[in-house]
Amino acid sequence: MPQIRISTPAAAFLALAAALLAFGRPVADATLGGPEAAPVTRQVATQEDAAAQTGSAYISTHLYFGTGRHGGQPPIPEEEFLQFVAEVITPRFPSGLTLEEARGQWRDKEGDINRERSYELTVLYPVTEARKRDIDIEYIRRAYCLRYGLESVGRADVKARADF
């Protein structure tokens, strides 16, 4: 009969599985004080599940606007940027947005690292509106680049749950 060899990691895994089967309860219950603690563990898990389901499915889009320009032109002043927000962004997201001033850094197409004052814009919208909002967001990005002669506006989309 051929001999079966079990490597050390596999042997440790089998021993752990055997111990769990022999004692019959999850490690979390044992750590919290035995079977009487199990209802508390289930209650906490239920509360976490409920918290994860609060609100509706949304997308959180973050746009990163730099204010530095090429060719020795001065940076985009705050007043001009806020005018862009009022004229271009607010009409597309009248329900609300968040704007934060930041310090940004990025590498341009020539390979130079640029540091500049920047703005992060966050907009939330229902997942069901994603197609329409994508058109608005891409319009905003193109308009900013064209108006100020910039290479790009960064974009990050994140799935979220939101309630207002």
Protein backbone atom coordinates (compact mmCIF):
# COMPACT_ATOMS: atom_id res chain seq x y z
CA MET A 1 0.00 0.00 0.00
CA PRO A 2 1.45 3.42 -0.95
CA GLN A 3 2.37 5.73 1.89
CA ILE A 4 0.58 9.12 2.05
CA ARG A 5 2.66 12.09 3.11
CA ILE A 6 1.12 15.31 4.38
CA SER A 7 3.17 18.49 4.31
CA THR A 8 3.49 20.52 7.52
CA PRO A 9 1.02 23.28 6.49
CA ALA A 10 -1.54 20.70 5.40
CA ALA A 11 -1.05 18.75 8.63
CA ALA A 12 -1.61 21.90 10.69
CA PHE A 13 -4.78 22.66 8.74
CA LEU A 14 -6.11 19.13 9.29
CA ALA A 15 -5.31 19.33 13.01
CA LEU A 16 -7.17 22.64 13.31
CA ALA A 17 -10.18 21.21 11.45
CA ALA A 18 -10.20 18.16 13.72
CA ALA A 19 -10.03 20.35 16.84
CA LEU A 20 -12.96 22.45 15.66
CA LEU A 21 -15.01 19.34 14.96
CA ALA A 22 -14.12 17.83 18.32
CA PHE A 23 -15.04 20.89 20.39
CA GLY A 24 -18.02 21.88 18.28
CA ARG A 25 -18.04 25.67 18.57
CA PRO A 26 -16.37 28.55 16.76
CA VAL A 27 -13.21 30.03 18.21
CA ALA A 28 -14.97 33.43 18.60
CA ASP A 29 -17.52 31.91 20.98
CA ALA A 30 -14.82 30.19 23.02
CA THR A 31 -12.80 33.40 23.23
CA LEU A 32 -15.82 35.33 24.49
CA GLY A 33 -16.58 32.91 27.29
CA GLY A 34 -18.31 29.79 26.00
CA PRO A 35 -21.77 28.94 24.73
CA GLU A 36 -23.51 31.56 26.89
CA ALA A 37 -21.64 34.23 24.89
CA ALA A 38 -22.92 32.96 21.53
CA PRO A 39 -26.17 35.00 21.63
CA VAL A 40 -24.13 38.19 22.16
CA THR A 41 -21.92 37.30 19.19
CA ARG A 42 -24.98 36.69 17.00
CA GLN A 43 -26.55 39.96 18.20
CA VAL A 44 -23.42 41.97 17.31
CA ALA A 45 -23.24 40.29 13.90
CA THR A 46 -26.92 41.10 13.27
CA GLN A 47 -26.35 44.75 14.20
CA GLU A 48 -23.35 44.93 11.86
CA ASP A 49 -25.40 43.39 9.04
CA ALA A 50 -28.17 45.93 9.65
CA ALA A 51 -25.68 48.81 9.65
CA ALA A 52 -24.23 47.59 6.36
CA GLN A 53 -27.72 47.75 4.83
CA THR A 54 -28.54 51.29 6.01
CA GLY A 55 -29.37 53.63 3.16
CA SER A 56 -29.55 52.95 -0.54
CA ALA A 57 -26.98 51.94 -3.13
CA TYR A 58 -25.05 55.00 -4.30
CA ILE A 59 -21.87 55.83 -6.15
CA SER A 60 -19.46 58.33 -4.65
CA THR A 61 -17.43 60.03 -7.38
CA HIS A 62 -14.33 62.00 -6.43
CA LEU A 63 -12.82 64.46 -8.90
CA TYR A 64 -9.37 65.95 -8.38
CA PHE A 65 -8.85 69.41 -9.88
CA GLY A 66 -5.33 70.82 -10.03
CA THR A 67 -4.83 74.58 -10.25
CA GLY A 68 -1.32 74.74 -11.72
CA ARG A 69 -0.97 75.63 -15.40
CA HIS A 70 1.71 75.06 -18.01
CA GLY A 71 3.92 77.53 -19.82
CA GLY A 72 4.57 79.83 -16.90
CA GLN A 73 0.93 80.85 -16.54
CA PRO A 74 -0.18 81.68 -12.99
CA PRO A 75 -2.22 79.11 -11.03
CA ILE A 76 -5.99 79.19 -11.34
CA PRO A 77 -7.22 81.60 -8.64
CA GLU A 78 -9.79 80.43 -6.11
CA GLU A 79 -12.39 82.89 -7.44
CA GLU A 80 -12.09 81.45 -10.97
CA PHE A 81 -12.34 77.91 -9.68
CA LEU A 82 -15.45 78.73 -7.63
CA GLN A 83 -16.95 80.40 -10.70
CA PHE A 84 -16.34 77.16 -12.63
CA VAL A 85 -18.11 75.25 -9.84
CA ALA A 86 -21.09 77.62 -10.00
CA GLU A 87 -21.36 77.64 -13.80
CA VAL A 88 -20.49 74.06 -14.73
CA ILE A 89 -20.73 71.70 -11.74
CA THR A 90 -23.66 73.00 -9.64
CA PRO A 91 -26.17 72.92 -12.54
CA ARG A 92 -25.35 69.23 -13.05
CA PHE A 93 -25.45 68.36 -9.33
CA PRO A 94 -27.93 70.82 -7.77
CA SER A 95 -28.88 68.38 -4.96
CA GLY A 96 -25.48 68.79 -3.37
CA LEU A 97 -21.75 68.26 -3.49
CA THR A 98 -18.72 68.52 -1.23
CA LEU A 99 -15.66 70.53 -2.12
CA GLU A 100 -12.39 70.36 -0.20
CA GLU A 101 -9.21 72.33 -0.74
CA ALA A 102 -6.10 70.15 -0.81
CA ARG A 103 -2.46 69.94 -1.82
CA GLY A 104 -1.93 67.69 -4.83
CA GLN A 105 1.02 66.06 -6.52
CA TRP A 106 1.15 64.32 -9.89
CA ARG A 107 3.54 63.40 -12.72
CA ASP A 108 2.84 65.12 -16.04
CA LYS A 109 3.36 63.64 -19.54
CA GLU A 110 6.95 64.98 -19.62
CA GLY A 111 7.70 63.05 -16.42
CA ASP A 112 7.94 66.10 -14.16
CA ILE A 113 6.44 65.97 -10.67
CA ASN A 114 4.11 68.89 -10.07
CA ARG A 115 2.90 70.06 -6.66
CA GLU A 116 -0.04 72.42 -6.52
CA ARG A 117 -3.07 73.63 -4.66
CA SER A 118 -5.97 71.45 -5.71
CA TYR A 119 -9.61 70.71 -4.97
CA GLU A 120 -11.38 67.43 -4.34
CA LEU A 121 -15.02 67.37 -5.39
CA THR A 122 -17.28 64.59 -4.11
CA VAL A 123 -20.72 63.90 -5.53
CA LEU A 124 -23.08 61.12 -4.47
CA TYR A 125 -25.79 59.76 -6.72
CA PRO A 126 -27.99 56.65 -6.81
CA VAL A 127 -26.58 53.69 -8.72
CA THR A 128 -29.67 53.84 -10.94
CA GLU A 129 -28.47 57.25 -12.22
CA ALA A 130 -24.92 56.10 -13.03
CA ARG A 131 -25.23 56.29 -16.82
CA LYS A 132 -26.65 59.83 -16.84
CA ARG A 133 -24.21 61.04 -14.17
CA ASP A 134 -21.25 59.58 -16.06
CA ILE A 135 -22.09 61.90 -18.97
CA ASP A 136 -22.23 64.89 -16.59
CA ILE A 137 -18.96 63.97 -14.88
CA GLU A 138 -17.08 63.48 -18.13
CA TYR A 139 -18.43 66.83 -19.38
CA ILE A 140 -17.10 68.53 -16.22
CA ARG A 141 -13.66 66.93 -16.64
CA ARG A 142 -13.37 67.93 -20.31
CA ALA A 143 -14.66 71.46 -19.70
CA TYR A 144 -12.09 72.09 -16.94
CA CYS A 145 -9.20 70.81 -19.04
CA LEU A 146 -10.28 72.87 -22.07
CA ARG A 147 -10.93 76.05 -20.10
CA TYR A 148 -7.55 76.00 -18.35
CA GLY A 149 -5.36 74.06 -20.81
CA LEU A 150 -4.74 71.15 -18.42
CA GLU A 151 -3.94 67.49 -19.13
CA SER A 152 -6.51 65.84 -16.89
CA VAL A 153 -8.86 65.85 -13.94
CA GLY A 154 -8.49 62.75 -11.79
CA ARG A 155 -11.54 60.59 -11.13
CA ALA A 156 -12.30 57.83 -8.61
CA ASP A 157 -15.66 56.05 -8.28
CA VAL A 158 -16.57 54.11 -5.13
CA LYS A 159 -19.65 52.03 -4.37
CA ALA A 160 -21.37 53.38 -1.27
CA ARG A 161 -24.55 53.23 0.79
CA ALA A 162 -26.05 56.59 1.63
CA ASP A 163 -29.06 57.98 3.44
CA PHE A 164 -30.14 61.61 3.68
